């Protein structure tokens, strides 16, 4: 047999055998995992309204004193005192007179005066533009 026809015959056999082979054997017990569900990002949650009432602030007279959380009070930090919210809770406080808001962390217990719902640090009252007011109306909402 001449070299070219022999080469053609050999290549034909190789092509036929390759066409019959599969990339992987078919196994009826192979279970493919379902495709991953599409990723859905939930919109940011709005804070839960808690309470509307009077707020006050405290500052220099309490500077450095131990708070209910055990940390020293810092009048220049954005913190607050609340009677029942868990320590460490983040609360959005809105000054109802001017609409300003500030987020504070509850780190102390209070206020001691019954008609108030929250005592803010000096820095938080300053952010709300309420230092001169002393006592002012607020809405508080727990941040999720």
N, C-alpha and C. Protein backbone atom coordinates (compact mmCIF):
# COMPACT_ATOMS: atom_id res chain seq x y z
N UNK A 1 0.85 -1.17 0.00
CA UNK A 1 0.00 0.00 0.00
C UNK A 1 0.89 1.23 0.00
N UNK A 2 0.50 2.19 -0.75
CA UNK A 2 1.30 3.39 -0.87
C UNK A 2 1.12 4.27 0.35
N UNK A 3 2.10 5.17 0.65
CA UNK A 3 2.05 5.95 1.88
C UNK A 3 0.85 6.87 1.98
N UNK A 4 0.42 7.52 0.93
CA UNK A 4 -0.70 8.48 1.04
C UNK A 4 -2.01 7.75 1.29
N UNK A 5 -2.36 6.69 0.52
CA UNK A 5 -3.60 6.01 0.84
C UNK A 5 -3.56 5.40 2.24
N UNK A 6 -2.41 4.91 2.68
CA UNK A 6 -2.30 4.34 4.03
C UNK A 6 -2.56 5.44 5.07
N UNK A 7 -2.01 6.64 4.86
CA UNK A 7 -2.21 7.77 5.77
C UNK A 7 -3.69 8.17 5.80
N UNK A 8 -4.33 8.19 4.63
CA UNK A 8 -5.74 8.54 4.55
C UNK A 8 -6.57 7.49 5.29
N UNK A 9 -6.26 6.23 5.14
CA UNK A 9 -7.00 5.16 5.80
C UNK A 9 -6.82 5.25 7.31
N UNK A 10 -5.61 5.53 7.77
CA UNK A 10 -5.34 5.64 9.20
C UNK A 10 -6.08 6.83 9.80
N UNK A 11 -6.03 7.97 9.11
CA UNK A 11 -6.73 9.15 9.60
C UNK A 11 -8.25 8.93 9.63
N UNK A 12 -8.77 8.21 8.65
CA UNK A 12 -10.21 7.94 8.61
C UNK A 12 -10.62 7.11 9.83
N UNK A 13 -9.83 6.09 10.15
CA UNK A 13 -10.14 5.26 11.32
C UNK A 13 -10.07 6.09 12.60
N UNK A 14 -9.07 6.95 12.73
CA UNK A 14 -8.92 7.79 13.92
C UNK A 14 -10.11 8.73 14.05
N UNK A 15 -10.53 9.34 12.94
CA UNK A 15 -11.66 10.26 12.96
C UNK A 15 -12.92 9.52 13.36
N UNK A 16 -13.14 8.33 12.82
CA UNK A 16 -14.33 7.54 13.16
C UNK A 16 -14.33 7.17 14.64
N UNK A 17 -13.22 6.74 15.17
CA UNK A 17 -13.14 6.37 16.58
C UNK A 17 -13.31 7.58 17.50
N UNK A 18 -12.75 8.71 17.11
CA UNK A 18 -12.89 9.92 17.90
C UNK A 18 -14.34 10.37 17.95
N UNK A 19 -15.05 10.26 16.86
CA UNK A 19 -16.46 10.66 16.80
C UNK A 19 -17.33 9.80 17.70
N UNK A 20 -16.94 8.54 17.92
CA UNK A 20 -17.73 7.64 18.76
C UNK A 20 -17.46 7.84 20.24
N UNK A 21 -16.32 8.44 20.57
CA UNK A 21 -15.96 8.63 21.97
C UNK A 21 -16.67 9.86 22.51
N UNK A 22 -17.03 9.83 23.78
CA UNK A 22 -17.65 11.01 24.40
C UNK A 22 -16.66 11.62 25.37
N UNK A 23 -16.86 12.88 25.67
CA UNK A 23 -15.95 13.59 26.57
C UNK A 23 -15.95 12.97 27.95
N UNK A 24 -17.13 12.52 28.39
CA UNK A 24 -17.17 11.82 29.67
C UNK A 24 -18.24 10.77 29.58
N UNK A 25 -18.07 9.67 30.25
CA UNK A 25 -19.04 8.59 30.14
C UNK A 25 -20.39 9.03 30.69
N UNK A 26 -21.45 8.55 30.06
CA UNK A 26 -22.81 8.89 30.50
C UNK A 26 -23.15 8.02 31.69
N UNK A 27 -23.53 8.64 32.76
CA UNK A 27 -23.89 7.89 33.96
C UNK A 27 -25.25 8.40 34.41
N UNK A 28 -26.22 7.55 34.42
CA UNK A 28 -27.59 7.99 34.76
C UNK A 28 -27.72 8.35 36.23
N UNK A 29 -26.73 7.98 37.06
CA UNK A 29 -26.82 8.32 38.47
C UNK A 29 -26.21 9.68 38.79
N UNK A 30 -25.56 10.30 37.81
CA UNK A 30 -24.96 11.61 38.03
C UNK A 30 -26.06 12.65 38.16
N UNK A 31 -26.06 13.36 39.28
CA UNK A 31 -27.06 14.40 39.52
C UNK A 31 -26.35 15.73 39.48
N UNK A 32 -26.83 16.60 38.65
CA UNK A 32 -26.24 17.92 38.55
C UNK A 32 -26.92 18.82 39.56
N UNK A 33 -26.15 19.64 40.26
CA UNK A 33 -26.78 20.56 41.22
C UNK A 33 -27.60 21.60 40.48
N UNK A 34 -28.68 22.05 41.11
CA UNK A 34 -29.49 23.08 40.45
C UNK A 34 -28.69 24.37 40.33
N UNK A 35 -29.02 25.18 39.35
CA UNK A 35 -28.29 26.45 39.22
C UNK A 35 -28.52 27.33 40.44
N UNK A 36 -27.52 28.12 40.77
CA UNK A 36 -27.63 29.02 41.93
C UNK A 36 -28.71 30.06 41.65
N UNK A 37 -29.50 30.37 42.68
CA UNK A 37 -30.53 31.39 42.48
C UNK A 37 -29.88 32.75 42.23
N UNK A 38 -30.57 33.62 41.53
CA UNK A 38 -29.99 34.94 41.29
C UNK A 38 -29.83 35.70 42.61
N UNK A 39 -28.80 36.49 42.69
CA UNK A 39 -28.54 37.28 43.89
C UNK A 39 -29.49 38.47 43.91
N UNK A 40 -30.20 38.59 45.03
CA UNK A 40 -31.14 39.69 45.18
C UNK A 40 -30.70 40.48 46.40
N UNK A 41 -30.49 41.76 46.24
CA UNK A 41 -30.10 42.62 47.34
C UNK A 41 -31.34 43.35 47.84
N UNK A 42 -31.62 43.17 49.12
CA UNK A 42 -32.78 43.84 49.70
C UNK A 42 -32.49 45.32 49.85
N UNK A 43 -33.48 46.16 49.64
CA UNK A 43 -33.25 47.59 49.85
C UNK A 43 -32.98 47.86 51.32
N UNK A 44 -32.23 48.91 51.64
CA UNK A 44 -31.96 49.20 53.04
C UNK A 44 -33.26 49.43 53.78
N UNK A 45 -33.33 48.90 54.97
CA UNK A 45 -34.53 48.99 55.76
C UNK A 45 -34.62 50.35 56.44
N UNK A 46 -35.81 50.89 56.46
CA UNK A 46 -36.04 52.16 57.16
C UNK A 46 -36.02 51.88 58.66
N UNK A 47 -35.64 52.84 59.46
CA UNK A 47 -35.64 52.61 60.90
C UNK A 47 -37.06 52.43 61.42
N UNK A 48 -37.18 51.68 62.50
CA UNK A 48 -38.47 51.47 63.15
C UNK A 48 -38.74 52.63 64.09
N UNK A 49 -39.85 53.33 63.88
CA UNK A 49 -40.20 54.44 64.77
C UNK A 49 -40.48 53.88 66.16
N UNK A 50 -39.95 54.54 67.15
CA UNK A 50 -40.15 54.09 68.52
C UNK A 50 -41.03 55.05 69.30
N UNK A 51 -40.58 56.26 69.40
CA UNK A 51 -41.23 57.14 70.35
C UNK A 51 -40.97 58.60 69.99
N UNK A 52 -41.93 59.42 70.34
CA UNK A 52 -41.78 60.87 70.20
C UNK A 52 -41.95 61.46 71.59
N UNK A 53 -41.07 62.39 71.94
CA UNK A 53 -41.15 63.01 73.25
C UNK A 53 -40.05 64.02 73.46
N UNK A 54 -39.82 64.34 74.72
CA UNK A 54 -38.81 65.34 75.07
C UNK A 54 -37.44 64.70 75.25
N UNK A 55 -36.43 65.42 74.80
CA UNK A 55 -35.04 65.01 75.00
C UNK A 55 -34.31 66.12 75.71
N UNK A 56 -33.22 65.75 76.35
CA UNK A 56 -32.33 66.74 76.96
C UNK A 56 -30.91 66.26 76.69
N UNK A 57 -29.94 67.03 77.13
CA UNK A 57 -28.56 66.64 76.92
C UNK A 57 -27.76 66.83 78.19
N UNK A 58 -26.65 66.11 78.28
CA UNK A 58 -25.74 66.28 79.40
C UNK A 58 -24.32 66.34 78.89
N UNK A 59 -23.48 67.04 79.66
CA UNK A 59 -22.14 67.31 79.16
C UNK A 59 -21.08 67.34 80.22
N UNK A 60 -20.46 68.51 80.39
CA UNK A 60 -19.26 68.67 81.20
C UNK A 60 -19.39 68.12 82.62
N UNK A 61 -20.51 68.28 83.25
CA UNK A 61 -20.67 67.81 84.64
C UNK A 61 -20.51 66.29 84.76
N UNK A 62 -20.73 65.58 83.68
CA UNK A 62 -20.64 64.10 83.70
C UNK A 62 -19.40 63.59 82.98
N UNK A 63 -18.62 64.48 82.41
CA UNK A 63 -17.45 64.09 81.62
C UNK A 63 -16.55 63.15 82.40
N UNK A 64 -16.23 61.99 81.81
CA UNK A 64 -15.32 61.02 82.42
C UNK A 64 -15.97 60.07 83.40
N UNK A 65 -17.19 60.34 83.84
CA UNK A 65 -17.86 59.41 84.76
C UNK A 65 -18.21 58.11 84.05
N UNK A 66 -18.27 57.05 84.81
CA UNK A 66 -18.56 55.74 84.26
C UNK A 66 -20.03 55.67 83.84
N UNK A 67 -20.28 55.21 82.61
CA UNK A 67 -21.65 55.04 82.11
C UNK A 67 -22.13 53.62 82.46
N UNK A 68 -23.39 53.34 82.20
CA UNK A 68 -23.95 52.02 82.47
C UNK A 68 -23.25 50.93 81.66
N UNK A 69 -22.67 51.30 80.52
CA UNK A 69 -21.96 50.31 79.70
C UNK A 69 -20.56 50.03 80.24
N UNK A 70 -20.11 50.85 81.21
CA UNK A 70 -18.78 50.68 81.78
C UNK A 70 -17.74 51.59 81.20
N UNK A 71 -18.05 52.25 80.10
CA UNK A 71 -17.09 53.16 79.49
C UNK A 71 -17.24 54.54 80.11
N UNK A 72 -16.19 55.34 80.09
CA UNK A 72 -16.32 56.71 80.61
C UNK A 72 -17.16 57.56 79.67
N UNK A 73 -17.97 58.42 80.24
CA UNK A 73 -18.79 59.32 79.44
C UNK A 73 -17.89 60.30 78.72
N UNK A 74 -18.17 60.47 77.42
CA UNK A 74 -17.43 61.44 76.60
C UNK A 74 -18.46 62.38 75.99
N UNK A 75 -18.49 63.59 76.46
CA UNK A 75 -19.49 64.54 75.98
C UNK A 75 -19.34 64.87 74.50
N UNK A 76 -18.18 64.56 73.92
CA UNK A 76 -17.93 64.84 72.51
C UNK A 76 -18.17 63.64 71.60
N UNK A 77 -18.68 62.55 72.16
CA UNK A 77 -19.03 61.37 71.36
C UNK A 77 -20.54 61.38 71.10
N UNK A 78 -20.95 60.73 70.04
CA UNK A 78 -22.38 60.67 69.70
C UNK A 78 -23.03 59.50 70.43
N UNK A 79 -23.36 59.75 71.70
CA UNK A 79 -23.95 58.72 72.56
C UNK A 79 -25.20 59.27 73.24
N UNK A 80 -25.91 58.36 73.92
CA UNK A 80 -27.14 58.77 74.60
C UNK A 80 -27.47 57.80 75.71
N UNK A 81 -28.36 58.26 76.59
CA UNK A 81 -28.89 57.44 77.67
C UNK A 81 -30.36 57.17 77.39
N UNK A 82 -30.76 55.90 77.57
CA UNK A 82 -32.16 55.51 77.41
C UNK A 82 -32.50 54.53 78.52
N UNK A 83 -33.73 54.55 78.98
CA UNK A 83 -34.11 53.71 80.11
C UNK A 83 -34.11 52.22 79.80
N UNK A 84 -34.58 51.81 78.60
CA UNK A 84 -34.80 50.39 78.35
C UNK A 84 -34.10 49.79 77.14
N UNK A 85 -33.69 50.58 76.17
CA UNK A 85 -33.05 50.01 74.99
C UNK A 85 -31.74 49.32 75.38
N UNK A 86 -31.43 48.21 74.74
CA UNK A 86 -30.17 47.53 75.05
C UNK A 86 -28.96 48.44 74.81
N UNK A 87 -27.99 48.34 75.69
CA UNK A 87 -26.75 49.10 75.51
C UNK A 87 -26.12 48.69 74.20
N UNK A 88 -25.62 49.66 73.45
CA UNK A 88 -25.03 49.40 72.15
C UNK A 88 -26.00 49.62 70.99
N UNK A 89 -27.27 49.79 71.29
CA UNK A 89 -28.26 50.02 70.24
C UNK A 89 -28.00 51.36 69.56
N UNK A 90 -28.12 51.37 68.25
CA UNK A 90 -27.97 52.61 67.48
C UNK A 90 -29.36 53.19 67.24
N UNK A 91 -29.49 54.48 67.51
CA UNK A 91 -30.78 55.16 67.44
C UNK A 91 -30.64 56.41 66.58
N UNK A 92 -31.60 56.62 65.70
CA UNK A 92 -31.65 57.83 64.91
C UNK A 92 -32.56 58.81 65.65
N UNK A 93 -32.03 59.97 65.98
CA UNK A 93 -32.79 60.98 66.73
C UNK A 93 -33.04 62.15 65.78
N UNK A 94 -34.29 62.56 65.69
CA UNK A 94 -34.68 63.69 64.84
C UNK A 94 -35.21 64.81 65.71
N UNK A 95 -34.63 66.00 65.55
CA UNK A 95 -35.12 67.20 66.23
C UNK A 95 -36.37 67.65 65.47
N UNK A 96 -37.53 67.60 66.12
CA UNK A 96 -38.78 67.92 65.43
C UNK A 96 -38.94 69.41 65.14
N UNK A 97 -38.17 70.26 65.80
CA UNK A 97 -38.25 71.69 65.54
C UNK A 97 -37.60 72.07 64.22
N UNK A 98 -36.45 71.42 63.90
CA UNK A 98 -35.72 71.84 62.70
C UNK A 98 -35.45 70.70 61.70
N UNK A 99 -35.84 69.49 62.02
CA UNK A 99 -35.66 68.37 61.10
C UNK A 99 -34.28 67.75 61.07
N UNK A 100 -33.34 68.28 61.85
CA UNK A 100 -31.98 67.71 61.87
C UNK A 100 -32.01 66.34 62.53
N UNK A 101 -31.12 65.45 62.05
CA UNK A 101 -31.03 64.11 62.61
C UNK A 101 -29.60 63.77 62.96
N UNK A 102 -29.45 62.85 63.90
CA UNK A 102 -28.14 62.34 64.28
C UNK A 102 -28.32 60.89 64.74
N UNK A 103 -27.33 60.06 64.42
CA UNK A 103 -27.34 58.68 64.90
C UNK A 103 -26.45 58.60 66.13
N UNK A 104 -26.99 58.02 67.20
CA UNK A 104 -26.24 57.89 68.44
C UNK A 104 -26.26 56.43 68.89
N UNK A 105 -25.34 56.11 69.76
CA UNK A 105 -25.26 54.77 70.36
C UNK A 105 -25.67 54.88 71.83
N UNK A 106 -26.57 54.00 72.24
CA UNK A 106 -27.00 53.97 73.64
C UNK A 106 -25.89 53.33 74.47
N UNK A 107 -25.37 54.10 75.43
CA UNK A 107 -24.31 53.56 76.30
C UNK A 107 -24.56 53.84 77.77
N UNK A 108 -25.73 54.41 78.08
CA UNK A 108 -26.01 54.77 79.47
C UNK A 108 -27.50 54.62 79.75
N UNK A 109 -27.86 54.67 81.02
CA UNK A 109 -29.25 54.60 81.44
C UNK A 109 -29.72 55.98 81.87
N UNK A 110 -30.96 56.25 81.61
CA UNK A 110 -31.55 57.55 81.91
C UNK A 110 -32.59 57.83 80.85
N UNK A 111 -33.14 58.96 80.82
CA UNK A 111 -32.97 60.10 81.72
C UNK A 111 -33.68 59.87 83.06
N UNK A 112 -33.25 60.62 84.03
CA UNK A 112 -33.82 60.51 85.38
C UNK A 112 -35.11 61.30 85.52
N UNK A 113 -35.31 62.29 84.67
CA UNK A 113 -36.50 63.13 84.75
C UNK A 113 -37.62 62.44 83.96
N UNK A 114 -38.79 62.22 84.58
CA UNK A 114 -39.85 61.39 83.98
C UNK A 114 -40.39 61.85 82.63
N UNK A 115 -40.45 63.13 82.34
CA UNK A 115 -41.08 63.58 81.08
C UNK A 115 -40.14 63.55 79.89
N UNK A 116 -38.94 62.96 80.03
CA UNK A 116 -37.97 62.89 78.93
C UNK A 116 -37.77 61.44 78.51
N UNK A 117 -37.58 61.26 77.19
CA UNK A 117 -37.43 59.90 76.67
C UNK A 117 -35.99 59.52 76.38
N UNK A 118 -35.11 60.51 76.27
CA UNK A 118 -33.70 60.24 75.96
C UNK A 118 -32.85 61.41 76.44
N UNK A 119 -31.66 61.09 76.90
CA UNK A 119 -30.64 62.10 77.24
C UNK A 119 -29.50 61.94 76.25
N UNK A 120 -29.17 63.00 75.56
CA UNK A 120 -28.13 62.97 74.54
C UNK A 120 -26.84 63.56 75.05
N UNK A 121 -25.74 63.14 74.48
CA UNK A 121 -24.46 63.78 74.79
C UNK A 121 -24.46 65.20 74.22
N UNK A 122 -23.54 66.01 74.71
CA UNK A 122 -23.41 67.38 74.20
C UNK A 122 -23.20 67.37 72.69
N UNK A 123 -22.35 66.47 72.18
CA UNK A 123 -22.07 66.41 70.74
C UNK A 123 -23.34 66.10 69.94
N UNK A 124 -24.17 65.21 70.44
CA UNK A 124 -25.41 64.88 69.74
C UNK A 124 -26.37 66.06 69.76
N UNK A 125 -26.48 66.74 70.90
CA UNK A 125 -27.35 67.92 70.97
C UNK A 125 -26.84 69.02 70.04
N UNK A 126 -25.53 69.16 69.95
CA UNK A 126 -24.95 70.15 69.05
C UNK A 126 -25.27 69.80 67.60
N UNK A 127 -25.19 68.52 67.24
CA UNK A 127 -25.51 68.09 65.88
C UNK A 127 -26.97 68.36 65.53
N UNK A 128 -27.82 68.33 66.55
CA UNK A 128 -29.24 68.61 66.34
C UNK A 128 -29.57 70.10 66.44
N UNK A 129 -28.57 70.91 66.70
CA UNK A 129 -28.75 72.35 66.89
C UNK A 129 -29.75 72.61 68.02
N UNK A 130 -29.52 71.91 69.15
CA UNK A 130 -30.47 72.00 70.26
C UNK A 130 -29.80 72.32 71.59
N UNK A 131 -28.52 72.67 71.58
CA UNK A 131 -27.82 72.96 72.83
C UNK A 131 -28.49 74.10 73.58
N UNK A 132 -28.83 75.16 72.88
CA UNK A 132 -29.45 76.32 73.53
C UNK A 132 -30.85 76.00 74.07
N UNK A 133 -31.53 75.04 73.44
CA UNK A 133 -32.89 74.70 73.86
C UNK A 133 -32.91 73.98 75.21
N UNK A 134 -31.91 73.17 75.48
CA UNK A 134 -31.89 72.41 76.73
C UNK A 134 -32.81 71.20 76.67
N UNK A 135 -34.11 71.43 76.55
CA UNK A 135 -35.11 70.37 76.39
C UNK A 135 -35.80 70.63 75.06
N UNK A 136 -35.97 69.57 74.25
CA UNK A 136 -36.53 69.75 72.92
C UNK A 136 -37.25 68.47 72.49
N UNK A 137 -38.19 68.63 71.55
CA UNK A 137 -38.98 67.50 71.07
C UNK A 137 -38.20 66.72 70.02
N UNK A 138 -38.24 65.38 70.16
CA UNK A 138 -37.53 64.51 69.23
C UNK A 138 -38.40 63.30 68.88
N UNK A 139 -38.01 62.67 67.79
CA UNK A 139 -38.52 61.34 67.44
C UNK A 139 -37.31 60.44 67.44
N UNK A 140 -37.40 59.29 68.09
CA UNK A 140 -36.27 58.34 68.08
C UNK A 140 -36.71 57.07 67.35
N UNK A 141 -35.77 56.52 66.61
CA UNK A 141 -36.03 55.31 65.84
C UNK A 141 -34.81 54.39 65.95
N UNK A 142 -35.05 53.12 66.21
CA UNK A 142 -33.96 52.15 66.30
C UNK A 142 -33.49 51.82 64.89
N UNK A 143 -32.19 51.85 64.69
CA UNK A 143 -31.60 51.52 63.39
C UNK A 143 -31.42 50.01 63.32
N UNK A 144 -31.75 49.43 62.17
CA UNK A 144 -31.63 47.97 61.98
C UNK A 144 -30.30 47.63 61.37
